[in-house]
Amino acid sequence: MGIYSYNISIFAKSLLLTRIVQQNDWVVFIIVGCILLYVFMLIYLHRDSTVRVFLMQKFADSSNNYLSWLIVSAVFAVLLAVFISQSIPVVPKEITDVQLFGYELNKFGFTMLSLVVFYSLKSGLSYLFFAGTGSLKRWRLFQFAASKFYFVFSLVLMFLCVYQYYFEVDGLLVFDFYFIGFVAIFLFKIFFYLLSPNDILPEKWYYKLLYLCTLQLAPLMVIWTVLFI
């Protein structure tokens, strides 16, 4: 009986001391793929532009803005899904019940699907908003400015993904910093849209306020509810 108890205690201690190394190679593959997409965009869509030239470029001198907007949007959505996917509490049962060839969506897949649907609907509603307010001519300017903002934001996400997956991070400790950082970025985006020299938002002030409330703040609360509540 004593030997049996001794063996059990040794096994328990070894179990506590054993650290399962999490394989995060998929994060590197995604980041490298996103970097290659940006390299392709800068070289072939923007005529060998550097990052600085791309960010400082004026609308009149730019080209392939729609394709650039699509690439930046896709890269941002993927990186954001990588960054927040492991923080969501659980994948809803309604989603896990839907299987394809025996496979079901994990946290990353569920987050990615939610973000794609979210940003697709948001972009469609934004286009309808600009069209309905007689500001459709500003839509291309809006895409141009948004591409620059999300391009910079996606570069920040690359560093955050590396930090989160390859360094020992106390989730509870850094949550406050992440929350404050994302709030600061959101506020910066609002002022960036409002003060853009290209006048990307509708001319009337109440249309600006309506856009910020219905297509910036409200969708953010919706996606937060879907993923974390």
Protein backbone atom coordinates (compact mmCIF):
# COMPACT_ATOMS: atom_id res chain seq x y z
CA MET A 1 0.00 0.00 0.00
CA GLY A 2 2.86 2.37 0.83
CA ILE A 3 4.64 1.65 -2.47
CA TYR A 4 1.36 2.20 -4.35
CA SER A 5 0.82 5.59 -2.67
CA TYR A 6 4.43 6.54 -3.35
CA ASN A 7 4.07 5.76 -7.07
CA ILE A 8 0.84 7.77 -7.25
CA SER A 9 2.50 10.80 -5.65
CA ILE A 10 5.47 10.58 -8.06
CA PHE A 11 3.09 10.39 -11.01
CA ALA A 12 1.10 13.40 -9.78
CA LYS A 13 4.26 15.48 -9.33
CA SER A 14 5.57 14.55 -12.76
CA LEU A 15 2.17 15.42 -14.25
CA LEU A 16 2.26 18.86 -12.65
CA LEU A 17 5.82 19.49 -13.77
CA THR A 18 5.26 18.29 -17.33
CA ARG A 19 4.67 21.21 -19.65
CA ILE A 20 2.89 20.54 -22.91
CA VAL A 21 4.55 22.65 -25.60
CA GLN A 22 1.89 24.21 -27.78
CA GLN A 23 2.59 24.09 -31.49
CA ASN A 24 2.11 27.57 -32.93
CA ASP A 25 3.71 27.06 -36.33
CA TRP A 26 0.40 27.91 -37.99
CA VAL A 27 0.71 31.45 -36.63
CA VAL A 28 4.05 31.92 -38.38
CA PHE A 29 2.67 30.53 -41.63
CA ILE A 30 -0.26 32.95 -41.51
CA ILE A 31 1.95 35.96 -40.72
CA VAL A 32 4.39 35.07 -43.51
CA GLY A 33 1.49 34.66 -45.93
CA CYS A 34 0.14 38.08 -44.95
CA ILE A 35 3.57 39.66 -45.43
CA LEU A 36 3.84 38.10 -48.89
CA LEU A 37 0.42 39.49 -49.80
CA TYR A 38 1.56 42.96 -48.77
CA VAL A 39 4.78 42.58 -50.75
CA PHE A 40 2.74 41.60 -53.80
CA MET A 41 0.46 44.59 -53.27
CA LEU A 42 3.29 47.09 -52.93
CA ILE A 43 5.34 45.73 -55.83
CA TYR A 44 2.70 44.90 -58.43
CA LEU A 45 -0.28 47.08 -57.50
CA HIS A 46 1.63 50.16 -56.37
CA ARG A 47 4.62 50.09 -58.71
CA ASP A 48 7.41 49.07 -56.32
CA SER A 49 6.25 51.40 -53.56
CA THR A 50 7.72 51.24 -50.10
CA VAL A 51 5.54 51.23 -46.99
CA ARG A 52 6.27 54.92 -46.44
CA VAL A 53 5.41 55.82 -50.05
CA PHE A 54 2.18 53.82 -49.83
CA LEU A 55 1.09 55.56 -46.64
CA MET A 56 2.00 59.04 -47.90
CA GLN A 57 0.53 58.54 -51.37
CA LYS A 58 -2.27 60.86 -52.43
CA PHE A 59 -5.49 59.58 -53.95
CA ALA A 60 -4.83 61.23 -57.32
CA ASP A 61 -1.48 59.44 -57.60
CA SER A 62 -2.70 56.03 -56.44
CA SER A 63 -3.77 53.03 -58.48
CA ASN A 64 -5.58 49.74 -57.93
CA ASN A 65 -7.24 51.12 -54.83
CA TYR A 66 -10.08 48.60 -54.83
CA LEU A 67 -7.74 45.59 -55.03
CA SER A 68 -5.54 47.10 -52.33
CA TRP A 69 -8.58 47.61 -50.12
CA LEU A 70 -9.56 43.94 -50.58
CA ILE A 71 -6.07 42.69 -49.76
CA VAL A 72 -5.69 44.91 -46.69
CA SER A 73 -9.16 43.94 -45.47
CA ALA A 74 -8.42 40.21 -45.88
CA VAL A 75 -5.04 40.46 -44.12
CA PHE A 76 -6.51 42.48 -41.27
CA ALA A 77 -9.40 40.05 -40.74
CA VAL A 78 -7.06 37.03 -40.69
CA LEU A 79 -4.60 38.62 -38.27
CA LEU A 80 -7.36 39.85 -35.97
CA ALA A 81 -8.84 36.34 -35.95
CA VAL A 82 -5.43 34.90 -35.01
CA PHE A 83 -5.01 37.44 -32.23
CA ILE A 84 -8.39 37.11 -30.51
CA SER A 85 -9.44 33.55 -31.38
CA GLN A 86 -7.81 31.88 -28.38
CA SER A 87 -9.48 34.37 -26.04
CA ILE A 88 -13.08 33.57 -26.93
CA PRO A 89 -14.73 31.41 -24.27
CA VAL A 90 -16.34 28.73 -26.44
CA VAL A 91 -17.53 27.94 -29.94
CA PRO A 92 -21.37 27.85 -29.94
CA LYS A 93 -22.91 24.39 -30.15
CA GLU A 94 -24.92 25.48 -33.19
CA ILE A 95 -21.63 25.99 -35.01
CA THR A 96 -19.89 22.81 -33.85
CA ASP A 97 -22.93 20.75 -34.85
CA VAL A 98 -22.36 21.79 -38.47
CA GLN A 99 -19.62 19.48 -39.73
CA LEU A 100 -18.08 19.01 -43.16
CA PHE A 101 -16.49 15.60 -43.83
CA GLY A 102 -16.27 15.08 -40.08
CA TYR A 103 -14.52 18.39 -39.40
CA GLU A 104 -15.90 21.23 -37.34
CA LEU A 105 -14.81 24.82 -36.83
CA ASN A 106 -12.36 25.44 -34.02
CA LYS A 107 -11.98 28.79 -32.26
CA PHE A 108 -9.88 30.27 -35.04
CA GLY A 109 -12.27 29.10 -37.73
CA PHE A 110 -15.31 30.39 -35.86
CA THR A 111 -13.64 33.76 -35.22
CA MET A 112 -12.51 34.04 -38.84
CA LEU A 113 -15.98 33.21 -40.14
CA SER A 114 -17.58 35.74 -37.78
CA LEU A 115 -15.17 38.51 -38.81
CA VAL A 116 -15.62 37.83 -42.54
CA VAL A 117 -19.40 37.96 -42.24
CA PHE A 118 -19.18 40.99 -39.97
CA TYR A 119 -16.90 43.07 -42.19
CA SER A 120 -18.71 42.01 -45.37
CA LEU A 121 -22.04 43.20 -43.95
CA LYS A 122 -20.44 46.34 -42.57
CA SER A 123 -18.88 47.20 -45.93
CA GLY A 124 -22.15 46.57 -47.74
CA LEU A 125 -24.11 48.73 -45.32
CA SER A 126 -21.47 51.46 -45.54
CA TYR A 127 -21.79 51.49 -49.32
CA LEU A 128 -25.58 51.76 -49.04
CA PHE A 129 -25.16 54.56 -46.49
CA PHE A 130 -22.92 56.57 -48.80
CA ALA A 131 -25.28 55.96 -51.71
CA GLY A 132 -28.37 56.85 -49.68
CA THR A 133 -26.86 60.11 -48.43
CA GLY A 134 -25.80 61.26 -51.89
CA SER A 135 -22.12 60.82 -51.04
CA LEU A 136 -21.28 57.95 -53.35
CA LYS A 137 -18.44 59.96 -54.92
CA ARG A 138 -16.71 59.86 -51.54
CA TRP A 139 -16.90 56.06 -51.31
CA ARG A 140 -13.64 55.51 -53.20
CA LEU A 141 -11.95 58.14 -51.03
CA PHE A 142 -13.26 56.32 -47.97
CA GLN A 143 -11.83 53.00 -49.19
CA PHE A 144 -8.51 54.71 -49.91
CA ALA A 145 -8.24 56.19 -46.41
CA ALA A 146 -9.51 53.03 -44.68
CA SER A 147 -6.88 50.93 -46.48
CA LYS A 148 -4.10 53.05 -44.99
CA PHE A 149 -5.53 52.84 -41.48
CA TYR A 150 -6.07 49.08 -41.52
CA PHE A 151 -2.69 48.53 -43.18
CA VAL A 152 -0.94 50.13 -40.20
CA PHE A 153 -3.26 48.35 -37.75
CA SER A 154 -2.48 44.99 -39.35
CA LEU A 155 1.26 45.60 -38.93
CA VAL A 156 0.62 46.19 -35.22
CA LEU A 157 -1.38 42.96 -35.09
CA MET A 158 1.54 41.02 -36.56
CA PHE A 159 3.76 42.04 -33.64
CA LEU A 160 0.97 41.38 -31.13
CA CYS A 161 0.39 37.88 -32.53
CA VAL A 162 4.09 37.03 -32.22
CA TYR A 163 4.16 38.41 -28.68
CA GLN A 164 1.03 36.55 -27.61
CA TYR A 165 1.90 33.14 -29.07
CA TYR A 166 5.68 33.00 -28.57
CA PHE A 167 6.21 34.71 -25.25
CA GLU A 168 4.92 33.81 -21.81
CA VAL A 169 1.93 36.12 -21.44
CA ASP A 170 -0.37 36.43 -18.45
CA GLY A 171 -3.73 36.91 -20.13
CA LEU A 172 -5.34 38.61 -17.16
CA LEU A 173 -2.38 40.92 -16.72
CA VAL A 174 -2.24 42.15 -20.32
CA PHE A 175 -6.00 42.28 -20.88
CA ASP A 176 -6.24 45.81 -19.49
CA PHE A 177 -3.42 46.96 -21.76
CA TYR A 178 -5.03 45.32 -24.78
CA PHE A 179 -8.41 46.84 -23.94
CA ILE A 180 -7.00 50.34 -23.46
CA GLY A 181 -4.94 49.97 -26.64
CA PHE A 182 -7.89 48.93 -28.78
CA VAL A 183 -10.04 51.72 -27.36
CA ALA A 184 -7.28 54.21 -28.21
CA ILE A 185 -7.02 52.81 -31.74
CA PHE A 186 -10.79 52.99 -32.18
CA LEU A 187 -10.85 56.63 -31.06
CA PHE A 188 -7.93 57.40 -33.35
CA LYS A 189 -9.83 55.88 -36.26
CA ILE A 190 -12.85 58.07 -35.53
CA PHE A 191 -10.73 61.23 -35.55
CA PHE A 192 -8.81 59.98 -38.58
CA TYR A 193 -12.07 59.64 -40.51
CA LEU A 194 -13.42 62.96 -39.27
CA LEU A 195 -10.26 64.98 -39.89
CA SER A 196 -9.15 63.32 -43.12
CA PRO A 197 -8.06 65.97 -45.66
CA ASN A 198 -9.90 64.03 -48.36
CA ASP A 199 -13.30 64.62 -46.65
CA ILE A 200 -14.16 60.95 -46.80
CA LEU A 201 -17.39 61.17 -44.77
CA PRO A 202 -20.66 62.74 -45.94
CA GLU A 203 -20.69 66.53 -45.85
CA LYS A 204 -23.59 67.05 -43.41
CA TRP A 205 -22.63 66.83 -39.76
CA TYR A 206 -25.67 64.73 -38.81
CA TYR A 207 -24.76 62.19 -41.49
CA LYS A 208 -21.29 61.99 -39.97
CA LEU A 209 -22.78 61.41 -36.53
CA LEU A 210 -25.21 58.82 -37.91
CA TYR A 211 -22.37 56.94 -39.60
CA LEU A 212 -20.20 56.90 -36.49
CA CYS A 213 -23.03 55.63 -34.29
CA THR A 214 -24.62 53.08 -36.61
CA LEU A 215 -21.68 51.79 -38.66
CA GLN A 216 -18.77 52.18 -36.25
CA LEU A 217 -19.89 51.87 -32.64
CA ALA A 218 -22.95 49.60 -32.99
CA PRO A 219 -21.24 46.92 -35.15
CA LEU A 220 -18.37 46.78 -32.67
CA MET A 221 -20.81 45.91 -29.89
CA VAL A 222 -22.43 43.28 -32.09
CA ILE A 223 -19.20 41.45 -32.89
CA TRP A 224 -18.16 41.63 -29.23
CA THR A 225 -21.46 40.01 -28.25
CA VAL A 226 -21.11 37.26 -30.87
CA LEU A 227 -17.58 36.29 -29.90
CA PHE A 228 -17.36 36.86 -26.15
CA ILE A 229 -20.89 36.68 -24.69
